[in-house]
Amino acid sequence: MARATLAADPLEVAPFLLGKLLVHGRREARIVEVEAYRGESDPASHAYRGRTARNATMFGRAGLLYVYFTYGMHWCANVVCGEQGAAGAVLLRALEPVAGLEEMTAARAARRRPGSALRERDLCRGPGNLTVALGITKQHDGVDLCDPASPVRLLDDGAPVVEAGRVASGPRVGIKRAIDVEWRFWVAGSRYVS
């Protein structure tokens, strides 16, 4: 993935990421749902009150992976975008599994109640589930998604770009501020959307 394509406003980068691949080892999944966060100008953003130890990666160069812990139990993964020094990120909300399904299933099963069923479509539905399925944790905060040697990468495999008519938008989910803006984007009709 070319870093220059990510060095734009999160509202432009978010729909652009739909259809791209997130890869960690042998596990690959296609991005089908995202949310944009505009840093210090966005009351729902972690960077709204400025730079902290927790959100420092958001202020880095475009193409870094920003990983944070939420609700005392989930890691969430974001693609840093925009200009370096001006926080911005796109939260990854849902992915469509492509490869490494056995590893994803084993990772998710290890965190589920015994005997509960897990469908393929649910492996990467929701920000906390997709990080478990792909094995992304705090140790991946700050990795460069554009570096071919990085353990976690963002790729464009040349698959047809999601058609404009198939990109839907609506309010972001699970936040208490700026709930009226339609900065969540997803592939309309995808059964993997959260």
N, C-alpha and C. Protein backbone atom coordinates (compact mmCIF):
# COMPACT_ATOMS: atom_id res chain seq x y z
N MET A 1 0.85 -1.17 0.00
CA MET A 1 0.00 0.00 0.00
C MET A 1 0.89 1.24 0.00
N ALA A 2 0.60 2.16 -0.88
CA ALA A 2 1.38 3.40 -0.97
C ALA A 2 0.98 4.34 0.17
N ARG A 3 1.97 4.79 0.91
CA ARG A 3 1.73 5.67 2.04
C ARG A 3 1.00 6.95 1.63
N ALA A 4 1.31 7.47 0.44
CA ALA A 4 0.71 8.72 -0.02
C ALA A 4 -0.81 8.63 -0.09
N THR A 5 -1.34 7.45 -0.38
CA THR A 5 -2.80 7.31 -0.47
C THR A 5 -3.45 7.40 0.90
N LEU A 6 -2.68 7.19 1.96
CA LEU A 6 -3.22 7.25 3.32
C LEU A 6 -2.99 8.61 3.98
N ALA A 7 -2.19 9.46 3.33
CA ALA A 7 -1.86 10.77 3.91
C ALA A 7 -2.91 11.81 3.54
N ALA A 8 -4.17 11.46 3.74
CA ALA A 8 -5.29 12.35 3.43
C ALA A 8 -6.22 12.40 4.63
N ASP A 9 -7.25 13.20 4.52
CA ASP A 9 -8.26 13.33 5.57
C ASP A 9 -8.89 11.96 5.86
N PRO A 10 -9.11 11.61 7.14
CA PRO A 10 -9.72 10.33 7.47
C PRO A 10 -11.05 10.08 6.74
N LEU A 11 -11.80 11.14 6.45
CA LEU A 11 -13.07 10.96 5.74
C LEU A 11 -12.87 10.52 4.29
N GLU A 12 -11.72 10.82 3.71
CA GLU A 12 -11.41 10.35 2.36
C GLU A 12 -10.81 8.95 2.41
N VAL A 13 -9.96 8.70 3.41
CA VAL A 13 -9.27 7.42 3.52
C VAL A 13 -10.25 6.29 3.89
N ALA A 14 -11.21 6.59 4.76
CA ALA A 14 -12.11 5.54 5.25
C ALA A 14 -12.79 4.75 4.12
N PRO A 15 -13.52 5.40 3.20
CA PRO A 15 -14.14 4.59 2.13
C PRO A 15 -13.11 3.98 1.18
N PHE A 16 -11.94 4.62 1.04
CA PHE A 16 -10.88 4.08 0.20
C PHE A 16 -10.39 2.72 0.72
N LEU A 17 -10.40 2.54 2.05
CA LEU A 17 -9.90 1.30 2.65
C LEU A 17 -10.82 0.10 2.41
N LEU A 18 -12.08 0.36 2.11
CA LEU A 18 -12.99 -0.75 1.85
C LEU A 18 -12.49 -1.59 0.67
N GLY A 19 -12.41 -2.89 0.88
CA GLY A 19 -11.92 -3.79 -0.16
C GLY A 19 -10.45 -4.11 -0.07
N LYS A 20 -9.70 -3.36 0.74
CA LYS A 20 -8.27 -3.64 0.91
C LYS A 20 -8.09 -4.81 1.87
N LEU A 21 -6.90 -5.40 1.88
CA LEU A 21 -6.60 -6.55 2.73
C LEU A 21 -5.77 -6.16 3.94
N LEU A 22 -6.11 -6.71 5.09
CA LEU A 22 -5.29 -6.62 6.29
C LEU A 22 -4.68 -8.00 6.48
N VAL A 23 -3.37 -8.06 6.60
CA VAL A 23 -2.65 -9.34 6.64
C VAL A 23 -1.76 -9.41 7.87
N HIS A 24 -1.86 -10.52 8.60
CA HIS A 24 -0.96 -10.80 9.73
C HIS A 24 -0.57 -12.27 9.62
N GLY A 25 0.68 -12.50 9.22
CA GLY A 25 1.14 -13.86 9.01
C GLY A 25 0.36 -14.50 7.87
N ARG A 26 -0.22 -15.67 8.15
CA ARG A 26 -1.01 -16.37 7.13
C ARG A 26 -2.48 -15.95 7.15
N ARG A 27 -2.84 -15.09 8.08
CA ARG A 27 -4.23 -14.64 8.19
C ARG A 27 -4.45 -13.40 7.34
N GLU A 28 -5.45 -13.45 6.48
CA GLU A 28 -5.79 -12.32 5.61
C GLU A 28 -7.29 -12.09 5.65
N ALA A 29 -7.67 -10.82 5.64
CA ALA A 29 -9.10 -10.50 5.62
C ALA A 29 -9.30 -9.18 4.88
N ARG A 30 -10.43 -9.09 4.19
CA ARG A 30 -10.78 -7.91 3.39
C ARG A 30 -11.61 -6.94 4.24
N ILE A 31 -11.26 -5.68 4.21
CA ILE A 31 -11.94 -4.65 5.00
C ILE A 31 -13.32 -4.38 4.40
N VAL A 32 -14.37 -4.50 5.25
CA VAL A 32 -15.73 -4.26 4.78
C VAL A 32 -16.47 -3.18 5.58
N GLU A 33 -15.89 -2.74 6.70
CA GLU A 33 -16.54 -1.69 7.51
C GLU A 33 -15.49 -0.92 8.30
N VAL A 34 -15.62 0.41 8.29
CA VAL A 34 -14.66 1.29 8.96
C VAL A 34 -15.38 2.51 9.55
N GLU A 35 -14.66 3.24 10.40
CA GLU A 35 -15.14 4.53 10.93
C GLU A 35 -13.99 5.53 10.91
N ALA A 36 -14.28 6.75 10.49
CA ALA A 36 -13.27 7.82 10.45
C ALA A 36 -13.27 8.61 11.75
N TYR A 37 -12.07 8.99 12.21
CA TYR A 37 -11.89 9.84 13.39
C TYR A 37 -10.89 10.93 13.04
N ARG A 38 -11.31 12.20 13.21
CA ARG A 38 -10.53 13.34 12.75
C ARG A 38 -9.67 14.01 13.82
N GLY A 39 -9.22 13.29 14.79
CA GLY A 39 -8.25 13.81 15.75
C GLY A 39 -8.78 14.93 16.63
N GLU A 40 -8.00 15.99 16.73
CA GLU A 40 -8.28 17.06 17.69
C GLU A 40 -9.53 17.88 17.36
N SER A 41 -10.06 17.76 16.16
CA SER A 41 -11.29 18.47 15.82
C SER A 41 -12.53 17.59 15.98
N ASP A 42 -12.36 16.36 16.44
CA ASP A 42 -13.44 15.39 16.53
C ASP A 42 -13.65 15.00 18.00
N PRO A 43 -14.75 15.43 18.63
CA PRO A 43 -14.97 15.12 20.04
C PRO A 43 -15.01 13.62 20.37
N ALA A 44 -15.24 12.76 19.39
CA ALA A 44 -15.28 11.31 19.64
C ALA A 44 -13.90 10.66 19.48
N SER A 45 -12.92 11.42 19.05
CA SER A 45 -11.58 10.88 18.80
C SER A 45 -10.76 10.81 20.09
N HIS A 46 -9.89 9.82 20.18
CA HIS A 46 -8.96 9.73 21.32
C HIS A 46 -8.01 10.92 21.36
N ALA A 47 -7.82 11.58 20.25
CA ALA A 47 -6.87 12.70 20.18
C ALA A 47 -7.54 14.06 20.40
N TYR A 48 -8.80 14.07 20.73
CA TYR A 48 -9.54 15.33 20.86
C TYR A 48 -8.90 16.27 21.88
N ARG A 49 -8.40 15.74 22.97
CA ARG A 49 -7.78 16.57 24.01
C ARG A 49 -6.26 16.68 23.85
N GLY A 50 -5.74 16.23 22.72
CA GLY A 50 -4.31 16.34 22.48
C GLY A 50 -3.59 15.02 22.63
N ARG A 51 -2.28 15.11 22.49
CA ARG A 51 -1.42 13.93 22.49
C ARG A 51 -1.22 13.39 23.91
N THR A 52 -1.32 12.06 24.05
CA THR A 52 -1.04 11.37 25.31
C THR A 52 -0.19 10.14 25.00
N ALA A 53 0.25 9.45 26.03
CA ALA A 53 1.01 8.22 25.81
C ALA A 53 0.14 7.19 25.08
N ARG A 54 -1.15 7.15 25.41
CA ARG A 54 -2.06 6.17 24.79
C ARG A 54 -2.26 6.42 23.31
N ASN A 55 -2.44 7.67 22.90
CA ASN A 55 -2.81 7.97 21.52
C ASN A 55 -1.66 8.47 20.65
N ALA A 56 -0.44 8.42 21.14
CA ALA A 56 0.72 8.99 20.44
C ALA A 56 0.84 8.49 19.00
N THR A 57 0.52 7.25 18.75
CA THR A 57 0.64 6.70 17.40
C THR A 57 -0.26 7.43 16.41
N MET A 58 -1.41 7.93 16.87
CA MET A 58 -2.33 8.67 15.99
C MET A 58 -1.67 9.91 15.39
N PHE A 59 -0.66 10.44 16.04
CA PHE A 59 0.03 11.65 15.58
C PHE A 59 1.21 11.31 14.67
N GLY A 60 1.43 10.03 14.42
CA GLY A 60 2.54 9.58 13.59
C GLY A 60 2.24 9.71 12.11
N ARG A 61 3.13 9.14 11.31
CA ARG A 61 2.94 9.24 9.86
C ARG A 61 1.84 8.30 9.39
N ALA A 62 1.26 8.64 8.27
CA ALA A 62 0.20 7.84 7.68
C ALA A 62 0.71 6.43 7.42
N GLY A 63 -0.15 5.45 7.66
CA GLY A 63 0.20 4.06 7.41
C GLY A 63 0.61 3.28 8.65
N LEU A 64 0.67 3.95 9.80
CA LEU A 64 0.96 3.22 11.03
C LEU A 64 -0.32 2.56 11.54
N LEU A 65 -0.15 1.53 12.35
CA LEU A 65 -1.27 0.85 12.98
C LEU A 65 -1.40 1.37 14.40
N TYR A 66 -2.55 1.94 14.73
CA TYR A 66 -2.83 2.43 16.08
C TYR A 66 -3.71 1.40 16.77
N VAL A 67 -3.19 0.80 17.85
CA VAL A 67 -3.92 -0.23 18.58
C VAL A 67 -4.15 0.26 20.01
N TYR A 68 -5.39 0.16 20.47
CA TYR A 68 -5.71 0.57 21.85
C TYR A 68 -6.63 -0.45 22.49
N PHE A 69 -6.69 -0.41 23.82
CA PHE A 69 -7.51 -1.32 24.61
C PHE A 69 -8.78 -0.59 25.02
N THR A 70 -9.92 -1.27 24.94
CA THR A 70 -11.18 -0.63 25.28
C THR A 70 -12.08 -1.57 26.09
N TYR A 71 -12.94 -1.01 26.88
CA TYR A 71 -13.89 -1.75 27.71
C TYR A 71 -13.20 -2.79 28.60
N GLY A 72 -11.92 -2.62 28.85
CA GLY A 72 -11.20 -3.54 29.71
C GLY A 72 -11.04 -4.94 29.17
N MET A 73 -11.32 -5.12 27.86
CA MET A 73 -11.22 -6.48 27.33
C MET A 73 -10.90 -6.60 25.85
N HIS A 74 -10.98 -5.52 25.07
CA HIS A 74 -10.81 -5.63 23.62
C HIS A 74 -9.68 -4.73 23.10
N TRP A 75 -8.90 -5.27 22.17
CA TRP A 75 -7.98 -4.44 21.39
C TRP A 75 -8.73 -3.97 20.16
N CYS A 76 -8.49 -2.75 19.74
CA CYS A 76 -9.08 -2.21 18.52
C CYS A 76 -7.95 -1.71 17.63
N ALA A 77 -8.09 -1.88 16.32
CA ALA A 77 -7.04 -1.52 15.36
C ALA A 77 -7.52 -0.39 14.45
N ASN A 78 -6.62 0.56 14.21
CA ASN A 78 -6.91 1.73 13.38
C ASN A 78 -5.76 1.96 12.40
N VAL A 79 -6.08 2.46 11.23
CA VAL A 79 -5.07 2.88 10.27
C VAL A 79 -4.87 4.38 10.45
N VAL A 80 -3.65 4.79 10.77
CA VAL A 80 -3.35 6.21 10.93
C VAL A 80 -3.32 6.85 9.55
N CYS A 81 -3.92 8.02 9.44
CA CYS A 81 -3.95 8.72 8.16
C CYS A 81 -3.77 10.22 8.37
N GLY A 82 -3.66 10.95 7.28
CA GLY A 82 -3.45 12.39 7.36
C GLY A 82 -1.98 12.74 7.47
N GLU A 83 -1.74 14.00 7.74
CA GLU A 83 -0.37 14.51 7.86
C GLU A 83 0.24 14.14 9.21
N GLN A 84 1.52 13.85 9.23
CA GLN A 84 2.20 13.55 10.49
C GLN A 84 2.09 14.75 11.42
N GLY A 85 1.79 14.48 12.68
CA GLY A 85 1.64 15.55 13.66
C GLY A 85 0.20 15.98 13.85
N ALA A 86 -0.66 15.70 12.88
CA ALA A 86 -2.08 16.02 12.98
C ALA A 86 -2.83 14.69 13.08
N ALA A 87 -3.30 14.38 14.28
CA ALA A 87 -3.91 13.06 14.52
C ALA A 87 -5.11 12.79 13.63
N GLY A 88 -5.17 11.58 13.14
CA GLY A 88 -6.30 11.11 12.36
C GLY A 88 -6.18 9.61 12.20
N ALA A 89 -7.31 8.91 12.19
CA ALA A 89 -7.26 7.47 12.06
C ALA A 89 -8.59 6.93 11.56
N VAL A 90 -8.54 5.72 11.05
CA VAL A 90 -9.73 5.01 10.62
C VAL A 90 -9.79 3.70 11.39
N LEU A 91 -10.85 3.56 12.19
CA LEU A 91 -11.08 2.33 12.96
C LEU A 91 -11.56 1.23 12.03
N LEU A 92 -10.96 0.05 12.15
CA LEU A 92 -11.39 -1.12 11.40
C LEU A 92 -12.49 -1.80 12.19
N ARG A 93 -13.71 -1.86 11.63
CA ARG A 93 -14.88 -2.40 12.34
C ARG A 93 -15.22 -3.83 11.94
N ALA A 94 -15.00 -4.20 10.68
CA ALA A 94 -15.34 -5.56 10.26
C ALA A 94 -14.52 -5.94 9.03
N LEU A 95 -14.20 -7.23 8.96
CA LEU A 95 -13.41 -7.79 7.87
C LEU A 95 -14.07 -9.06 7.36
N GLU A 96 -13.83 -9.36 6.10
CA GLU A 96 -14.27 -10.62 5.50
C GLU A 96 -13.06 -11.55 5.43
N PRO A 97 -13.06 -12.68 6.15
CA PRO A 97 -11.92 -13.59 6.13
C PRO A 97 -11.61 -14.08 4.72
N VAL A 98 -10.32 -14.14 4.39
CA VAL A 98 -9.87 -14.58 3.08
C VAL A 98 -8.97 -15.80 3.20
N ALA A 99 -8.02 -15.77 4.13
CA ALA A 99 -7.07 -16.88 4.31
C ALA A 99 -6.74 -17.03 5.79
N GLY A 100 -6.34 -18.23 6.17
CA GLY A 100 -5.98 -18.49 7.56
C GLY A 100 -7.20 -18.67 8.46
N LEU A 101 -8.28 -19.16 7.90
CA LEU A 101 -9.52 -19.31 8.66
C LEU A 101 -9.37 -20.25 9.86
N GLU A 102 -8.55 -21.28 9.74
CA GLU A 102 -8.35 -22.19 10.87
C GLU A 102 -7.71 -21.46 12.04
N GLU A 103 -6.71 -20.64 11.76
CA GLU A 103 -6.06 -19.87 12.82
C GLU A 103 -7.01 -18.85 13.43
N MET A 104 -7.81 -18.20 12.58
CA MET A 104 -8.78 -17.22 13.08
C MET A 104 -9.80 -17.90 13.98
N THR A 105 -10.30 -19.04 13.52
CA THR A 105 -11.31 -19.77 14.30
C THR A 105 -10.75 -20.22 15.64
N ALA A 106 -9.52 -20.74 15.64
CA ALA A 106 -8.90 -21.18 16.89
C ALA A 106 -8.70 -20.02 17.85
N ALA A 107 -8.27 -18.89 17.34
CA ALA A 107 -8.05 -17.71 18.18
C ALA A 107 -9.36 -17.22 18.80
N ARG A 108 -10.41 -17.17 17.98
CA ARG A 108 -11.71 -16.72 18.49
C ARG A 108 -12.31 -17.75 19.45
N ALA A 109 -12.17 -19.04 19.14
CA ALA A 109 -12.74 -20.09 19.98
C ALA A 109 -12.12 -20.08 21.37
N ALA A 110 -10.85 -19.75 21.46
CA ALA A 110 -10.15 -19.72 22.74
C ALA A 110 -10.73 -18.66 23.68
N ARG A 111 -11.44 -17.68 23.13
CA ARG A 111 -12.00 -16.59 23.93
C ARG A 111 -13.51 -16.69 24.10
N ARG A 112 -14.12 -17.77 23.63
CA ARG A 112 -15.58 -17.92 23.69
C ARG A 112 -15.99 -18.89 24.79
N ARG A 113 -17.26 -18.83 25.14
CA ARG A 113 -17.82 -19.79 26.10
C ARG A 113 -17.77 -21.19 25.51
N PRO A 114 -17.44 -22.18 26.29
CA PRO A 114 -17.44 -23.56 25.79
C PRO A 114 -18.81 -23.94 25.21
N GLY A 115 -18.79 -24.58 24.06
CA GLY A 115 -20.02 -25.04 23.43
C GLY A 115 -20.74 -24.01 22.59
N SER A 116 -20.30 -22.76 22.61
CA SER A 116 -20.99 -21.75 21.80
C SER A 116 -20.49 -21.84 20.35
N ALA A 117 -21.43 -21.70 19.42
CA ALA A 117 -21.11 -21.83 17.99
C ALA A 117 -20.45 -20.56 17.47
N LEU A 118 -19.59 -20.72 16.48
CA LEU A 118 -18.92 -19.58 15.85
C LEU A 118 -19.02 -19.77 14.34
N ARG A 119 -19.75 -18.87 13.69
CA ARG A 119 -19.90 -18.92 12.24
C ARG A 119 -18.78 -18.14 11.57
N GLU A 120 -18.42 -18.54 10.36
CA GLU A 120 -17.36 -17.85 9.61
C GLU A 120 -17.65 -16.36 9.49
N ARG A 121 -18.90 -16.00 9.23
CA ARG A 121 -19.24 -14.60 9.04
C ARG A 121 -19.02 -13.77 10.31
N ASP A 122 -18.93 -14.43 11.48
CA ASP A 122 -18.74 -13.72 12.74
C ASP A 122 -17.28 -13.63 13.19
N LEU A 123 -16.37 -14.29 12.47
CA LEU A 123 -14.97 -14.31 12.89
C LEU A 123 -14.40 -12.90 13.08
N CYS A 124 -14.68 -12.01 12.15
CA CYS A 124 -14.08 -10.67 12.16
C CYS A 124 -15.13 -9.57 12.18
N ARG A 125 -16.30 -9.85 12.73
CA ARG A 125 -17.37 -8.85 12.85
C ARG A 125 -17.21 -8.13 14.17
N GLY A 126 -16.92 -6.85 14.10
CA GLY A 126 -16.72 -6.03 15.29
C GLY A 126 -15.24 -5.80 15.53
N PRO A 127 -14.89 -4.59 16.01
CA PRO A 127 -13.47 -4.23 16.19
C PRO A 127 -12.69 -5.15 17.12
N GLY A 128 -13.31 -5.58 18.23
CA GLY A 128 -12.62 -6.47 19.16
C GLY A 128 -12.46 -7.88 18.62
N ASN A 129 -13.44 -8.35 17.88
CA ASN A 129 -13.37 -9.70 17.31
C ASN A 129 -12.33 -9.80 16.21
N LEU A 130 -12.21 -8.78 15.38
CA LEU A 130 -11.26 -8.86 14.27
C LEU A 130 -9.82 -8.87 14.76
N THR A 131 -9.52 -8.15 15.85
CA THR A 131 -8.15 -8.18 16.37
C THR A 131 -7.82 -9.54 16.97
N VAL A 132 -8.79 -10.15 17.64
CA VAL A 132 -8.56 -11.50 18.18
C VAL A 132 -8.32 -12.47 17.03
N ALA A 133 -9.19 -12.42 16.02
CA ALA A 133 -9.08 -13.34 14.89
C ALA A 133 -7.74 -13.21 14.16
N LEU A 134 -7.26 -11.98 14.01
CA LEU A 134 -6.00 -11.78 13.31
C LEU A 134 -4.78 -11.80 14.23
N GLY A 135 -4.98 -11.89 15.54
CA GLY A 135 -3.86 -11.95 16.48
C GLY A 135 -3.18 -10.61 16.68
N ILE A 136 -3.95 -9.52 16.59
CA ILE A 136 -3.39 -8.17 16.75
C ILE A 136 -3.58 -7.74 18.20
N THR A 137 -2.48 -7.29 18.83
CA THR A 137 -2.51 -6.84 20.22
C THR A 137 -1.71 -5.54 20.35
N LYS A 138 -1.55 -5.09 21.57
CA LYS A 138 -0.81 -3.84 21.86
C LYS A 138 0.60 -3.88 21.28
N GLN A 139 1.20 -5.06 21.19
CA GLN A 139 2.57 -5.14 20.66
C GLN A 139 2.65 -4.68 19.21
N HIS A 140 1.50 -4.60 18.53
CA HIS A 140 1.48 -4.16 17.14
C HIS A 140 1.22 -2.66 17.00
N ASP A 141 0.97 -1.98 18.11
CA ASP A 141 0.77 -0.53 18.04
C ASP A 141 2.02 0.13 17.46
N GLY A 142 1.83 0.91 16.41
CA GLY A 142 2.94 1.64 15.79
C GLY A 142 3.63 0.90 14.65
N VAL A 143 3.24 -0.35 14.35
CA VAL A 143 3.88 -1.03 13.22
C VAL A 143 3.48 -0.31 11.93
N ASP A 144 4.34 -0.39 10.95
CA ASP A 144 4.13 0.29 9.68
C ASP A 144 3.41 -0.63 8.71
N LEU A 145 2.15 -0.37 8.45
CA LEU A 145 1.34 -1.20 7.57
C LEU A 145 1.80 -1.16 6.12
N CYS A 146 2.61 -0.16 5.77
CA CYS A 146 3.09 -0.01 4.38
C CYS A 146 4.43 -0.69 4.14
N ASP A 147 5.08 -1.17 5.20
CA ASP A 147 6.39 -1.81 5.10
C ASP A 147 6.22 -3.29 4.79
N PRO A 148 6.77 -3.79 3.67
CA PRO A 148 6.62 -5.21 3.32
C PRO A 148 7.18 -6.16 4.38
N ALA A 149 8.09 -5.68 5.23
CA ALA A 149 8.67 -6.53 6.27
C ALA A 149 7.89 -6.47 7.59
N SER A 150 6.85 -5.67 7.65
CA SER A 150 6.06 -5.49 8.87
C SER A 150 5.27 -6.76 9.18
N PRO A 151 5.06 -7.08 10.47
CA PRO A 151 4.26 -8.26 10.80
C PRO A 151 2.78 -8.11 10.42
N VAL A 152 2.28 -6.88 10.39
CA VAL A 152 0.91 -6.61 9.96
C VAL A 152 0.99 -5.65 8.79
N ARG A 153 0.30 -5.99 7.70
CA ARG A 153 0.39 -5.16 6.49
C ARG A 153 -0.99 -4.85 5.93
N LEU A 154 -1.05 -3.75 5.22
CA LEU A 154 -2.25 -3.35 4.50
C LEU A 154 -1.92 -3.47 3.03
N LEU A 155 -2.70 -4.28 2.29
CA LEU A 155 -2.40 -4.54 0.89
C LEU A 155 -3.58 -4.23 -0.01
N ASP A 156 -3.25 -3.88 -1.23
CA ASP A 156 -4.25 -3.75 -2.28
C ASP A 156 -3.93 -4.86 -3.27
N ASP A 157 -4.76 -5.90 -3.30
CA ASP A 157 -4.47 -7.07 -4.13
C ASP A 157 -4.99 -6.94 -5.55
N GLY A 158 -5.48 -5.74 -5.90
CA GLY A 158 -5.95 -5.53 -7.26
C GLY A 158 -7.37 -6.01 -7.50
N ALA A 159 -8.01 -6.52 -6.45
CA ALA A 159 -9.41 -6.92 -6.60
C ALA A 159 -10.21 -5.69 -7.01
N PRO A 160 -11.29 -5.88 -7.73
CA PRO A 160 -12.08 -4.72 -8.16
C PRO A 160 -12.41 -3.80 -6.99
N VAL A 161 -12.24 -2.52 -7.21
CA VAL A 161 -12.53 -1.54 -6.17
C VAL A 161 -14.03 -1.58 -5.89
N VAL A 162 -14.39 -1.41 -4.65
CA VAL A 162 -15.80 -1.41 -4.27
C VAL A 162 -16.50 -0.29 -5.04
N GLU A 163 -17.59 -0.64 -5.71
CA GLU A 163 -18.31 0.35 -6.50
C GLU A 163 -18.92 1.41 -5.59
N ALA A 164 -18.93 2.66 -6.07
CA ALA A 164 -19.44 3.77 -5.27
C ALA A 164 -20.85 3.50 -4.77
N GLY A 165 -21.68 2.89 -5.57
CA GLY A 165 -23.05 2.60 -5.18
C GLY A 165 -23.16 1.55 -4.09
N ARG A 166 -22.09 0.80 -3.85
CA ARG A 166 -22.10 -0.24 -2.82
C ARG A 166 -21.51 0.24 -1.52
N VAL A 167 -21.06 1.50 -1.47
CA VAL A 167 -20.53 2.05 -0.22
C VAL A 167 -21.66 2.78 0.50
N ALA A 168 -21.98 2.29 1.69
CA ALA A 168 -23.01 2.91 2.50
C ALA A 168 -22.35 3.69 3.62
N SER A 169 -23.06 4.64 4.19
CA SER A 169 -22.52 5.40 5.31
C SER A 169 -23.62 5.66 6.33
N GLY A 170 -23.20 5.88 7.54
CA GLY A 170 -24.14 6.15 8.63
C GLY A 170 -23.37 6.59 9.86
N PRO A 171 -24.08 6.78 10.97
CA PRO A 171 -23.44 7.23 12.21
C PRO A 171 -22.45 6.20 12.75
N ARG A 172 -21.44 6.69 13.43
CA ARG A 172 -20.49 5.80 14.09
C ARG A 172 -21.19 5.08 15.25
N VAL A 173 -20.60 3.97 15.69
CA VAL A 173 -21.23 3.10 16.68
C VAL A 173 -20.43 3.11 17.98
N GLY A 174 -21.13 3.02 19.10
CA GLY A 174 -20.46 2.84 20.39
C GLY A 174 -19.76 4.07 20.94
N ILE A 175 -20.17 5.25 20.53
CA ILE A 175 -19.57 6.48 21.02
C ILE A 175 -20.66 7.34 21.67
N LYS A 176 -20.23 8.34 22.44
CA LYS A 176 -21.19 9.21 23.12
C LYS A 176 -21.15 10.64 22.62
N ARG A 177 -20.13 10.99 21.86
CA ARG A 177 -19.99 12.35 21.33
C ARG A 177 -19.98 12.30 19.81
N ALA A 178 -20.43 13.38 19.19
CA ALA A 178 -20.46 13.49 17.72
C ALA A 178 -21.15 12.28 17.10
N ILE A 179 -22.27 11.91 17.69
CA ILE A 179 -23.00 10.73 17.23
C ILE A 179 -23.83 11.00 15.98
N ASP A 180 -23.96 12.26 15.61
CA ASP A 180 -24.81 12.62 14.47
C ASP A 180 -24.08 12.60 13.13
N VAL A 181 -22.77 12.53 13.13
CA VAL A 181 -22.04 12.55 11.86
C VAL A 181 -22.01 11.15 11.24
N GLU A 182 -22.13 11.09 9.94
CA GLU A 182 -22.17 9.80 9.24
C GLU A 182 -20.78 9.45 8.73
N TRP A 183 -19.90 9.09 9.66
CA TRP A 183 -18.51 8.79 9.35
C TRP A 183 -18.19 7.31 9.46
N ARG A 184 -19.21 6.46 9.44
CA ARG A 184 -19.01 5.02 9.36
C ARG A 184 -19.34 4.62 7.93
N PHE A 185 -18.46 3.82 7.33
CA PHE A 185 -18.63 3.39 5.94
C PHE A 185 -18.55 1.88 5.88
N TRP A 186 -19.38 1.28 5.02
CA TRP A 186 -19.35 -0.17 4.88
C TRP A 186 -19.76 -0.58 3.48
N VAL A 187 -19.44 -1.81 3.14
CA VAL A 187 -19.81 -2.38 1.85
C VAL A 187 -21.26 -2.84 1.97
N ALA A 188 -22.14 -2.15 1.27
CA ALA A 188 -23.57 -2.47 1.35
C ALA A 188 -23.79 -3.90 0.87
N GLY A 189 -24.57 -4.65 1.63
CA GLY A 189 -24.89 -6.02 1.26
C GLY A 189 -23.90 -7.05 1.76
N SER A 190 -22.77 -6.63 2.34
CA SER A 190 -21.82 -7.61 2.84
C SER A 190 -22.37 -8.29 4.09
N ARG A 191 -22.32 -9.61 4.13
CA ARG A 191 -22.82 -10.32 5.30
C ARG A 191 -21.82 -10.30 6.45
N TYR A 192 -20.65 -9.70 6.23
CA TYR A 192 -19.61 -9.63 7.27
C TYR A 192 -19.63 -8.33 8.06
N VAL A 193 -20.46 -7.38 7.64
CA VAL A 193 -20.54 -6.08 8.33
C VAL A 193 -21.11 -6.30 9.72
N SER A 194 -20.60 -5.53 10.68
CA SER A 194 -21.05 -5.69 12.07
C SER A 194 -22.40 -5.04 12.28
